[in-house]
């Protein structure tokens, strides 16, 4: 299933949508998780920390991140923020198996990366 959500900058798309999807997974007792890409390492870390705080936990627990050069995640991480580069590398190494633990994959701010690279 493919969806596109738009809204004003700062309206909570990057933080609210992953939490809503997590709530859906928890309500259905699913063991699958949510993966969200961000175009930059700083964004992946900052948003993961913000979402973890909103959920009353610390980054690396229920909410974590994985970026080139580091990660803050554990076996209990259900929402994982990654850079697009990390996702592409996982797909290159593992193929489809890289996504087997995720029910939802969100490519966030895709326009930002493409516009930086001229298209």
Protein backbone atom coordinates (compact mmCIF):
# COMPACT_ATOMS: atom_id res chain seq x y z
CA UNK A 1 0.00 0.00 0.00
CA UNK A 2 1.33 3.42 -0.90
CA UNK A 3 0.09 6.64 0.66
CA UNK A 4 1.08 10.26 0.42
CA UNK A 5 0.41 12.70 3.23
CA UNK A 6 0.96 16.40 2.97
CA UNK A 7 0.74 19.18 5.51
CA UNK A 8 2.38 22.38 6.59
CA UNK A 9 5.94 22.20 7.87
CA UNK A 10 5.91 21.61 11.61
CA UNK A 11 2.43 20.08 11.75
CA UNK A 12 3.72 16.78 13.12
CA UNK A 13 3.80 14.48 10.09
CA UNK A 14 7.29 13.18 10.90
CA UNK A 15 6.48 12.54 14.55
CA UNK A 16 2.74 11.83 14.59
CA UNK A 17 2.39 9.40 11.70
CA UNK A 18 5.02 6.94 13.04
CA UNK A 19 3.38 7.02 16.47
CA UNK A 20 -0.07 6.38 15.01
CA UNK A 21 1.30 3.42 13.07
CA UNK A 22 3.01 2.11 16.20
CA UNK A 23 -0.26 2.36 18.11
CA UNK A 24 -1.88 0.30 15.32
CA UNK A 25 0.81 -2.36 15.67
CA UNK A 26 0.49 -2.45 19.45
CA UNK A 27 -3.31 -2.68 19.30
CA UNK A 28 -3.11 -5.64 16.91
CA UNK A 29 -0.32 -7.34 18.90
CA UNK A 30 1.86 -7.30 15.80
CA UNK A 31 5.54 -8.08 16.22
CA UNK A 32 6.39 -6.04 13.12
CA UNK A 33 7.83 -2.53 13.33
CA UNK A 34 7.92 0.90 11.68
CA UNK A 35 10.91 2.17 9.63
CA UNK A 36 11.18 5.84 8.67
CA UNK A 37 13.86 7.32 6.44
CA UNK A 38 15.16 10.85 6.83
CA UNK A 39 17.42 12.57 4.29
CA UNK A 40 20.00 13.70 6.88
CA UNK A 41 21.63 12.14 9.93
CA UNK A 42 20.82 15.13 12.13
CA UNK A 43 17.11 14.87 11.27
CA UNK A 44 17.00 11.12 11.96
CA UNK A 45 18.59 11.58 15.40
CA UNK A 46 16.59 14.67 16.38
CA UNK A 47 13.23 13.22 15.35
CA UNK A 48 13.95 9.87 17.02
CA UNK A 49 14.86 11.66 20.25
CA UNK A 50 11.74 13.83 20.02
CA UNK A 51 9.40 10.90 19.40
CA UNK A 52 11.00 8.86 22.21
CA UNK A 53 10.50 11.80 24.58
CA UNK A 54 6.87 12.23 23.47
CA UNK A 55 6.29 8.56 24.24
CA UNK A 56 7.86 8.93 27.69
CA UNK A 57 10.97 6.92 27.02
CA UNK A 58 14.60 7.29 26.09
CA UNK A 59 15.98 7.04 22.59
CA UNK A 60 17.23 3.51 22.01
CA UNK A 61 14.22 1.87 23.65
CA UNK A 62 10.88 1.74 21.87
CA UNK A 63 12.12 4.43 19.46
CA UNK A 64 15.61 4.52 17.99
CA UNK A 65 17.77 5.49 15.06
CA UNK A 66 20.47 4.11 12.80
CA UNK A 67 22.67 6.48 10.83
CA UNK A 68 25.97 6.19 9.04
CA UNK A 69 28.49 6.22 11.87
CA UNK A 70 26.23 5.14 14.71
CA UNK A 71 22.98 3.87 16.07
CA UNK A 72 20.83 4.03 19.16
CA UNK A 73 18.47 1.07 19.00
CA UNK A 74 17.85 -2.19 20.83
CA UNK A 75 15.87 -5.38 20.54
CA UNK A 76 12.87 -3.52 21.94
CA UNK A 77 12.97 -0.77 19.28
CA UNK A 78 9.65 -0.67 17.41
CA UNK A 79 10.09 2.64 15.53
CA UNK A 80 13.43 3.04 13.76
CA UNK A 81 14.53 6.26 12.07
CA UNK A 82 17.30 5.78 9.49
CA UNK A 83 18.97 7.80 6.80
CA UNK A 84 18.06 6.87 3.26
CA UNK A 85 21.68 5.78 2.81
CA UNK A 86 21.43 3.29 5.68
CA UNK A 87 18.27 1.80 4.20
CA UNK A 88 19.84 1.54 0.75
CA UNK A 89 22.92 -0.17 2.19
CA UNK A 90 20.77 -2.67 4.09
CA UNK A 91 18.82 -3.41 0.92
CA UNK A 92 22.05 -3.83 -1.03
CA UNK A 93 23.42 -6.30 1.53
CA UNK A 94 20.27 -8.20 2.47
CA UNK A 95 17.80 -7.58 -0.32
CA UNK A 96 14.16 -7.98 0.62
CA UNK A 97 15.14 -9.60 3.93
CA UNK A 98 16.19 -6.14 5.17
CA UNK A 99 12.49 -5.26 5.47
CA UNK A 100 11.09 -8.48 6.93
CA UNK A 101 10.68 -7.01 10.45
CA UNK A 102 8.79 -3.93 9.25
CA UNK A 103 5.09 -3.62 8.48
CA UNK A 104 5.40 0.08 7.63
CA UNK A 105 8.19 1.83 5.73
CA UNK A 106 7.95 5.61 5.43
CA UNK A 107 10.18 7.63 3.12
CA UNK A 108 9.99 11.07 4.73
CA UNK A 109 11.17 14.33 3.18
CA UNK A 110 12.00 12.59 -0.09
CA UNK A 111 11.68 15.92 -1.94
CA UNK A 112 14.51 17.40 0.16
CA UNK A 113 17.14 14.93 -1.00
CA UNK A 114 16.04 14.97 -4.61
CA UNK A 115 16.03 18.76 -4.79
CA UNK A 116 19.52 18.95 -3.25
CA UNK A 117 20.81 16.66 -5.98
CA UNK A 118 19.15 18.54 -8.80
CA UNK A 119 16.21 16.23 -9.32
